[in-house]
Structures are given as structure tokens and as C-alpha cells.
Protein backbone atom coordinates (compact mmCIF):
# COMPACT_ATOMS: atom_id res chain seq x y z
CA MET A 1 17.31 18.69 29.62
CA LYS A 2 20.19 20.73 31.03
CA VAL A 3 19.40 23.05 33.89
CA GLU A 4 19.18 26.64 32.68
CA ASP A 5 20.78 29.63 34.32
CA LEU A 6 17.63 31.27 35.65
CA GLY A 7 19.54 34.46 36.29
CA ASN A 8 20.12 34.85 32.55
CA PHE A 9 16.74 33.64 31.28
CA LYS A 10 14.21 34.25 34.04
CA ARG A 11 12.45 36.85 31.86
CA LEU A 12 12.30 34.54 28.81
CA VAL A 13 8.77 33.52 27.79
CA VAL A 14 7.91 31.17 24.91
CA ARG A 15 4.27 30.99 23.85
CA PRO A 16 2.18 30.13 20.76
CA VAL A 17 1.79 32.87 18.18
CA HIS A 18 -1.63 34.55 18.18
CA ARG A 19 -3.61 34.63 14.96
CA ASP A 20 -2.99 38.36 14.45
CA GLU A 21 0.77 37.81 14.90
CA ILE A 22 1.23 35.27 12.07
CA PHE A 23 2.08 37.95 9.50
CA ARG A 24 4.87 39.29 11.73
CA PHE A 25 6.06 35.72 12.44
CA ASN A 26 6.36 35.13 8.69
CA GLU A 27 8.19 38.42 8.21
CA VAL A 28 10.80 37.49 10.80
CA LEU A 29 11.49 34.14 9.12
CA ASP A 30 11.58 35.65 5.63
CA GLU A 31 14.11 38.20 6.82
CA HIS A 32 16.34 36.06 8.99
CA HIS A 33 15.93 32.37 7.98
CA TRP A 34 17.35 31.05 4.73
CA LEU A 35 14.31 28.79 4.15
CA GLY A 36 11.69 31.50 4.67
CA HIS A 37 8.41 31.07 6.52
CA ASN A 38 6.67 28.16 4.75
CA LEU A 39 5.59 25.46 7.22
CA VAL A 40 3.90 22.23 6.12
CA GLY A 41 1.23 20.00 7.70
CA GLU A 42 -0.07 20.38 11.26
CA VAL A 43 1.63 23.66 12.13
CA MET A 44 2.48 25.17 15.51
CA ARG A 45 4.15 28.58 15.68
CA TYR A 46 5.92 29.97 18.76
CA VAL A 47 7.48 33.29 19.67
CA ALA A 48 10.20 33.79 22.30
CA LEU A 49 9.96 37.06 24.23
CA GLU A 50 12.04 38.90 26.80
CA ASP A 51 10.23 41.88 28.32
CA GLU A 52 7.79 41.73 25.37
CA ARG A 53 10.75 41.99 22.94
CA VAL A 54 10.90 39.27 20.28
CA VAL A 55 14.19 37.35 20.55
CA GLY A 56 13.33 34.29 18.47
CA VAL A 57 10.66 32.28 16.65
CA VAL A 58 10.10 28.53 16.35
CA GLY A 59 7.92 26.65 13.86
CA PHE A 60 6.77 23.04 13.80
CA GLY A 61 5.00 21.03 11.09
CA SER A 62 4.20 17.43 10.23
CA GLY A 63 6.92 14.76 10.36
CA ALA A 64 8.69 13.65 7.19
CA LEU A 65 6.86 10.91 5.29
CA SER A 66 10.06 8.92 4.87
CA LEU A 67 13.14 9.29 7.06
CA ALA A 68 15.34 6.21 7.33
CA ALA A 69 17.34 7.31 10.41
CA ARG A 70 14.17 8.14 12.36
CA ASP A 71 12.38 4.99 11.27
CA ARG A 72 15.32 2.83 12.39
CA TYR A 73 15.29 4.57 15.77
CA ILE A 74 11.56 3.93 16.27
CA GLY A 75 11.56 0.46 14.73
CA TRP A 76 8.02 0.69 13.38
CA LYS A 77 6.63 -1.25 10.44
CA PRO A 78 5.47 0.74 7.36
CA GLU A 79 1.76 0.17 7.97
CA ILE A 80 2.11 1.39 11.57
CA GLN A 81 4.31 4.30 10.50
CA PHE A 82 1.62 5.85 8.31
CA ARG A 83 -1.00 5.44 11.06
CA ARG A 84 1.17 7.05 13.74
CA LEU A 85 3.15 9.66 11.82
CA ARG A 86 0.82 12.33 13.22
CA TYR A 87 2.43 11.78 16.64
CA VAL A 88 5.78 12.96 15.27
CA THR A 89 6.39 16.65 14.61
CA ASN A 90 9.18 18.32 12.68
CA ASN A 91 10.93 21.44 13.95
CA GLN A 92 10.89 23.01 10.49
CA ARG A 93 12.08 26.49 11.51
CA PHE A 94 14.10 27.89 14.40
CA CYS A 95 15.46 31.39 14.35
CA VAL A 96 17.12 33.47 17.06
CA LEU A 97 17.22 37.08 15.94
CA PRO A 98 20.82 38.10 15.09
CA ASN A 99 20.89 41.15 17.38
CA GLU A 100 19.54 39.03 20.30
CA SER A 101 21.94 36.08 20.03
CA ARG A 102 23.93 35.16 23.12
CA PRO A 103 25.26 31.92 24.68
CA ASN A 104 22.62 29.33 25.65
CA LEU A 105 19.65 31.43 24.50
CA ALA A 106 18.77 28.99 21.70
CA SER A 107 18.78 25.96 24.01
CA ALA A 108 16.78 27.90 26.61
CA ILE A 109 14.09 28.64 23.99
CA LEU A 110 14.04 25.00 22.91
CA SER A 111 13.74 23.86 26.52
CA ARG A 112 10.65 25.98 27.09
CA VAL A 113 8.91 25.09 23.85
CA LEU A 114 9.54 21.33 24.23
CA ARG A 115 8.03 21.45 27.70
CA ARG A 116 4.63 22.53 26.36
CA LEU A 117 4.68 21.19 22.79
CA SER A 118 2.69 17.97 23.25
CA SER A 119 -0.09 19.59 25.26
CA ASP A 120 -0.34 22.40 22.69
CA PHE A 121 -0.77 19.83 19.91
CA LEU A 122 -3.42 18.06 21.97
CA HIS A 123 -5.30 21.33 22.46
CA THR A 124 -5.00 22.43 18.82
CA TYR A 125 -5.24 19.17 16.85
CA GLY A 126 -6.82 16.73 19.31
CA HIS A 127 -3.75 14.50 19.70
CA PRO A 128 -0.38 14.72 21.45
CA VAL A 129 3.06 14.37 19.88
CA LEU A 130 5.66 12.00 21.31
CA LEU A 131 8.71 12.68 19.16
CA VAL A 132 10.32 15.77 17.65
CA GLU A 133 12.55 15.52 14.57
CA THR A 134 14.64 18.17 12.88
CA PHE A 135 17.48 18.54 10.39
CA THR A 136 20.61 20.64 10.30
CA ASP A 137 22.68 21.47 7.24
CA PRO A 138 26.37 20.70 7.99
CA MET A 139 27.38 23.37 5.48
CA ARG A 140 25.61 26.02 7.57
CA HIS A 141 25.82 24.90 11.21
CA VAL A 142 26.54 21.78 13.28
CA GLY A 143 23.42 21.77 15.48
CA THR A 144 25.05 22.96 18.70
CA CYS A 145 21.75 24.24 20.15
CA TYR A 146 20.04 20.89 19.52
CA LYS A 147 22.89 19.00 21.14
CA ALA A 148 22.75 21.35 24.14
CA ALA A 149 18.99 20.71 24.40
CA ASN A 150 19.60 16.92 24.55
CA PHE A 151 18.44 16.07 21.03
CA LEU A 152 19.82 12.75 19.76
CA GLN A 153 21.88 12.75 16.57
CA VAL A 154 20.65 9.58 14.82
CA GLY A 155 22.17 9.79 11.34
CA GLU A 156 21.87 11.56 8.03
CA THR A 157 19.18 11.99 5.42
CA LEU A 158 19.72 10.13 2.14
CA GLY A 159 20.02 13.30 0.10
CA TYR A 160 16.56 13.31 -1.46
CA GLY A 161 14.03 16.13 -1.70
CA ARG A 162 10.41 16.39 -2.84
CA ARG A 163 9.85 18.23 -6.10
CA ASN A 164 6.51 18.35 -7.92
CA GLY A 165 5.20 15.47 -5.78
CA ALA A 166 8.18 13.16 -6.45
CA TYR A 167 11.46 12.43 -4.66
CA VAL A 168 14.56 13.76 -6.45
CA HIS A 169 18.12 12.90 -5.42
CA HIS A 170 20.15 16.08 -4.92
CA GLY A 171 22.98 14.50 -2.89
CA HIS A 172 22.88 17.19 -0.19
CA LYS A 173 22.68 15.18 3.03
CA LYS A 174 21.51 16.71 6.30
CA THR A 175 22.01 15.65 9.91
CA CYS A 176 18.93 14.16 11.57
CA TRP A 177 18.14 14.91 15.22
CA LEU A 178 15.40 13.45 17.44
CA TYR A 179 13.97 14.44 20.81
CA PRO A 180 11.60 11.99 22.60
CA LEU A 181 8.90 13.83 24.54
CA HIS A 182 8.15 10.60 26.44
CA LYS A 183 10.75 8.14 27.75
CA ASN A 184 9.07 5.26 25.90
CA ALA A 185 8.23 7.23 22.75
CA ALA A 186 9.80 4.77 20.29
CA LYS A 187 8.18 1.73 21.93
CA ILE A 188 4.75 3.39 22.02
CA LEU A 189 4.96 4.50 18.38
CA ALA A 190 6.05 1.03 17.17
CA SER A 191 3.63 -1.08 19.24
CA ASP A 192 0.94 -3.25 17.65
CA PHE A 193 -1.92 -1.56 19.51
CA ASP A 194 -2.51 2.11 20.26
CA HIS A 195 -1.14 3.12 23.64
CA PRO A 196 -3.57 5.12 25.85
CA LEU A 197 -1.26 8.14 25.51
CA LEU A 198 -2.14 8.32 21.82
CA SER A 199 -5.82 8.82 22.64
CA ARG A 200 -5.69 11.25 25.52
CA ASP A 201 -8.31 13.35 23.76
CA LYS A 202 -10.89 10.68 24.66
CA GLU A 203 -12.75 11.05 27.92
CA HIS A 204 -12.79 7.39 28.84
CA THR A 205 -10.08 5.31 30.44
CA MET A 206 -8.20 2.92 28.17
CA VAL A 207 -6.08 -0.17 28.81
CA ASP A 208 -2.66 -0.62 27.21
CA LEU A 209 -3.27 -3.76 25.14
CA ASN A 210 0.46 -4.15 24.52
CA ARG A 211 0.82 -5.24 28.17
CA LEU A 212 -2.03 -7.75 27.99
CA VAL A 213 -1.32 -11.41 27.22
CA ILE A 214 -3.62 -11.99 24.24
CA ASP A 215 -2.30 -14.93 22.25
CA GLY A 216 -0.46 -18.04 23.44
CA PRO A 217 -1.06 -20.32 26.45
CA GLY A 218 -3.20 -18.73 29.14
CA GLY A 219 -3.85 -15.65 27.02
CA LEU A 220 -7.14 -13.90 26.39
CA VAL A 221 -7.91 -15.89 23.22
CA GLN A 222 -7.49 -19.22 24.97
CA ARG A 223 -9.59 -18.08 27.94
CA LEU A 224 -12.41 -16.97 25.65
CA GLN A 225 -12.49 -20.39 23.98
CA ALA A 226 -14.09 -21.68 27.20
CA LEU A 227 -17.29 -19.72 26.55
CA PRO A 228 -20.03 -21.78 24.83
CA ASP A 229 -20.68 -21.07 21.16
CA HIS A 230 -24.39 -20.31 20.60
CA ARG A 231 -24.19 -20.56 16.78
CA LYS A 232 -25.07 -23.39 14.42
CA ALA A 233 -22.07 -24.95 12.74
CA ARG A 234 -23.23 -24.17 9.22
CA GLY A 235 -22.08 -20.82 7.82
CA ILE A 236 -19.61 -19.98 10.59
CA ARG A 237 -16.74 -17.85 9.25
CA HIS A 238 -15.12 -16.48 12.41
CA PRO A 239 -14.35 -18.54 15.53
CA LEU A 240 -16.34 -17.20 18.47
CA SER A 241 -13.17 -16.66 20.50
CA SER A 242 -11.66 -14.41 17.80
CA ILE A 243 -14.82 -12.27 17.55
CA LEU A 244 -14.94 -11.90 21.32
CA THR A 245 -11.22 -11.12 21.49
CA VAL A 246 -11.71 -8.30 18.99
CA CYS A 247 -14.71 -7.03 20.96
CA VAL A 248 -12.89 -7.12 24.30
CA ALA A 249 -9.76 -5.46 22.90
CA ALA A 250 -11.83 -2.74 21.22
CA MET A 251 -13.85 -2.02 24.36
CA LEU A 252 -10.68 -1.84 26.45
CA SER A 253 -9.48 0.72 23.88
CA GLY A 254 -12.56 2.88 24.44
CA CYS A 255 -15.15 1.58 21.94
CA HIS A 256 -18.77 1.50 23.08
CA ASN A 257 -20.83 -0.28 20.41
CA ALA A 258 -20.68 -2.69 17.48
CA THR A 259 -20.06 0.05 14.91
CA GLU A 260 -17.11 1.48 16.83
CA ILE A 261 -15.70 -2.02 17.43
CA ALA A 262 -15.88 -2.96 13.73
CA GLU A 263 -14.30 0.33 12.63
CA TRP A 264 -11.55 -0.02 15.24
CA ALA A 265 -10.74 -3.56 14.06
CA ALA A 266 -10.79 -2.57 10.39
CA ASP A 267 -8.06 0.03 11.05
CA LEU A 268 -5.68 -2.39 12.79
CA PRO A 269 -2.42 -3.41 11.10
CA GLU A 270 -1.89 -7.02 10.05
CA ASP A 271 0.30 -7.93 13.04
CA ALA A 272 -2.30 -6.70 15.52
CA LEU A 273 -5.09 -8.64 13.78
CA ALA A 274 -2.93 -11.76 13.87
CA ARG A 275 -2.45 -11.36 17.64
CA LEU A 276 -6.23 -11.17 18.01
CA SER A 277 -6.48 -14.52 16.14
CA VAL A 278 -8.89 -13.27 13.49
CA ARG A 279 -9.43 -15.57 10.52
CA ARG A 280 -7.42 -15.32 7.31
CA SER A 281 -8.97 -15.09 3.88
CA PRO A 282 -8.28 -18.29 1.88
CA LYS A 283 -7.98 -16.16 -1.27
CA THR A 284 -5.68 -13.33 -0.12
CA GLY A 285 -4.08 -14.86 2.97
CA LYS A 286 -4.73 -11.60 4.84
CA SER A 287 -6.48 -11.28 8.18
CA VAL A 288 -10.18 -10.39 7.98
CA ALA A 289 -11.71 -8.48 10.87
CA PRO A 290 -15.34 -9.32 11.79
CA SER A 291 -17.97 -7.00 10.31
CA GLU A 292 -20.37 -4.78 12.25
CA PRO A 293 -23.34 -7.19 11.83
CA THR A 294 -21.20 -10.10 13.04
CA VAL A 295 -20.05 -8.15 16.07
CA ARG A 296 -23.57 -6.98 16.87
CA ARG A 297 -25.12 -10.46 16.60
CA THR A 298 -22.39 -11.96 18.76
CA LEU A 299 -22.70 -9.37 21.53
CA ASN A 300 -26.48 -9.73 21.56
CA ALA A 301 -26.33 -13.53 21.91
CA ILE A 302 -23.39 -14.06 24.28
CA ASP A 303 -23.75 -14.41 28.06
CA ASN A 304 -22.51 -10.90 28.93
CA GLN A 305 -22.09 -11.62 32.63
CA ALA A 306 -19.86 -14.62 31.91
CA LEU A 307 -17.84 -12.52 29.47
CA ASP A 308 -17.46 -9.67 31.97
CA ASP A 309 -16.35 -12.05 34.74
CA LEU A 310 -13.76 -13.67 32.48
CA VAL A 311 -12.33 -10.36 31.27
CA CYS A 312 -12.12 -8.94 34.79
CA LYS A 313 -10.20 -12.03 35.92
CA VAL A 314 -7.76 -11.71 33.01
CA LEU A 315 -7.16 -8.02 33.71
CA GLN A 316 -6.49 -8.68 37.39
CA GLU A 317 -3.89 -11.31 36.50
CA PHE A 318 -2.00 -9.51 33.74
CA LEU A 319 -2.32 -5.76 34.38
């Protein structure tokens, strides 16, 4: 972010809009923004003030369901995209009042709002945001304020819009801009397992599973194969090492009991389940996570001290 001239903007304050100010916020956008005040999804509204005088308003909503330029930048798979889209927000409205406009004011407002945006989402919706997206219409403006605020120009939209629940091609392409709120935003959003940053609303400490060697030689799965299997051979569906790998990974992600572990595993994408070496269904070919009863029986029967010692040794070596 470029350093601001504090002499020009030292009195500038950007804060969330209070509930009793929403009507006025909407009025400003209806009067001065060509798209009006409608915001969609998880909404955050901000007002920019100088000496209690409104100089601009900013509105954020949920990220676009489908945006090719953004998705290429992140590099996430479709099943991960829909799980993590909540960590992307869209700057759906930005308006500097015409009689207040002056050089660098727009980028100064953006600088202040971006500084607090993720923590405001965490406070309001229980999760942070790691990436901001927005669009500019080349027929109206070229996005100078976004460029000055260090947004990345990553491409164009494909010229589609949603109408009555369906995508309609109108041919009017817009420029797509992105601003990472974390230096590793794309990597975190595209990773197989949830990064601890994505669960900062939880009180417990989590381990970044993406850094842990799970599969392959010397990985967690292979280490867990050394623990004795207490079960009878008949009726076994899941290898003991795969059940324990799921349990260990889930507990390192903050789960406390068999129910939480089973629910956590059931929500994992296919690639993550494959890394945990869970069995594949002979009928569908898809990975099948162990059920809650399976997890519970396994944790009740296993030598917990041996499991704890093994996991601690693995964590010391790889993290």
C-alpha cells in the first residue's frame, strides 16, 4: 500500500455504518452511484468521514460465484472454491461524493477500509476474508483508485450477467481487480486442508496440515501403520492407519470428539481424502470417510498413549 500524505488525510476516518445510518448510506448510493445501493450476500457497509462530514461510502458483499480471472489467480479446484468462497469479498460499491473529490482521496479511503476489513468480517460473520475482488467498467472509468491502492488487474469478465437465476451473455466485459489481504492468500484458499487462518473464530490452536507430511515415505500414514490393529480381520472396511490418520488430522484441526471428527472428514474434498489414504468405494470409485461409529470404536480401542507419542514425534520432525 502506498504511503499516504498524512497532512492531507490525517482527519479522514473510515468506519462501519451503524444500523441507524443504513437508510442514509442507501440514499447516498442511490443518488451518486449508477448501480444504486443493492448489496448482495454477506454485506459490510463503511462510511468515510472528515470532521464528521461524509466524503464517501464503501460497500462489500459476497464474492462472485464464478469468475474465471480470479479462479485462475487462486488456482483452486471447483469443490474447494465453493467451500472457501466465503473468504473472498466483493467491493460491490465505492462512491466518493462529487463535491468532496480530490486527488488521492479514493485510494486513502480504500487503504483505511482494507486495513480493517478482515477483522470486521470476523467480528460480524465469524470468519475472516483473505481476498478482495472488484470490477470496473472500462466505459465509465479505468480503475485508477484501485491501481493506486495496489489492487492487481488480473483480467476481464466473460461478459455474462445473472438474470432470473440464470447466466445471460450480454457481451459487456468488465475489468477484474484483486487485492490479497494476506501475502499467501491464494495458496491458503487453494490448499487441500483448511489453514488455521480460516478458523480464527475457534478458541483452540490448530496445526496447518498443508505443511505436514501425510502420505508417502515417512509420512503420517506410514508411521501409523506401525500401531497394532486390534480388530478381527472379518468385516474390516477401513485400514486402521487411514482411520487414525483422519482422527489425527481432524484433532489437529480443532476437533474434540468422534462426532466432530466424522463431520470434519465428511466435508473434505476428494483430494484431501485421498491424501489421508481413506478407502475408495468399489462401486463409485470415490473416497469414503469413516463414519462416527467407526471413529468412536477405533478411538476407544486404540492405545492412546502410543498414538500420542507417535503424533508428537511426527509434529516435532515436520513442523
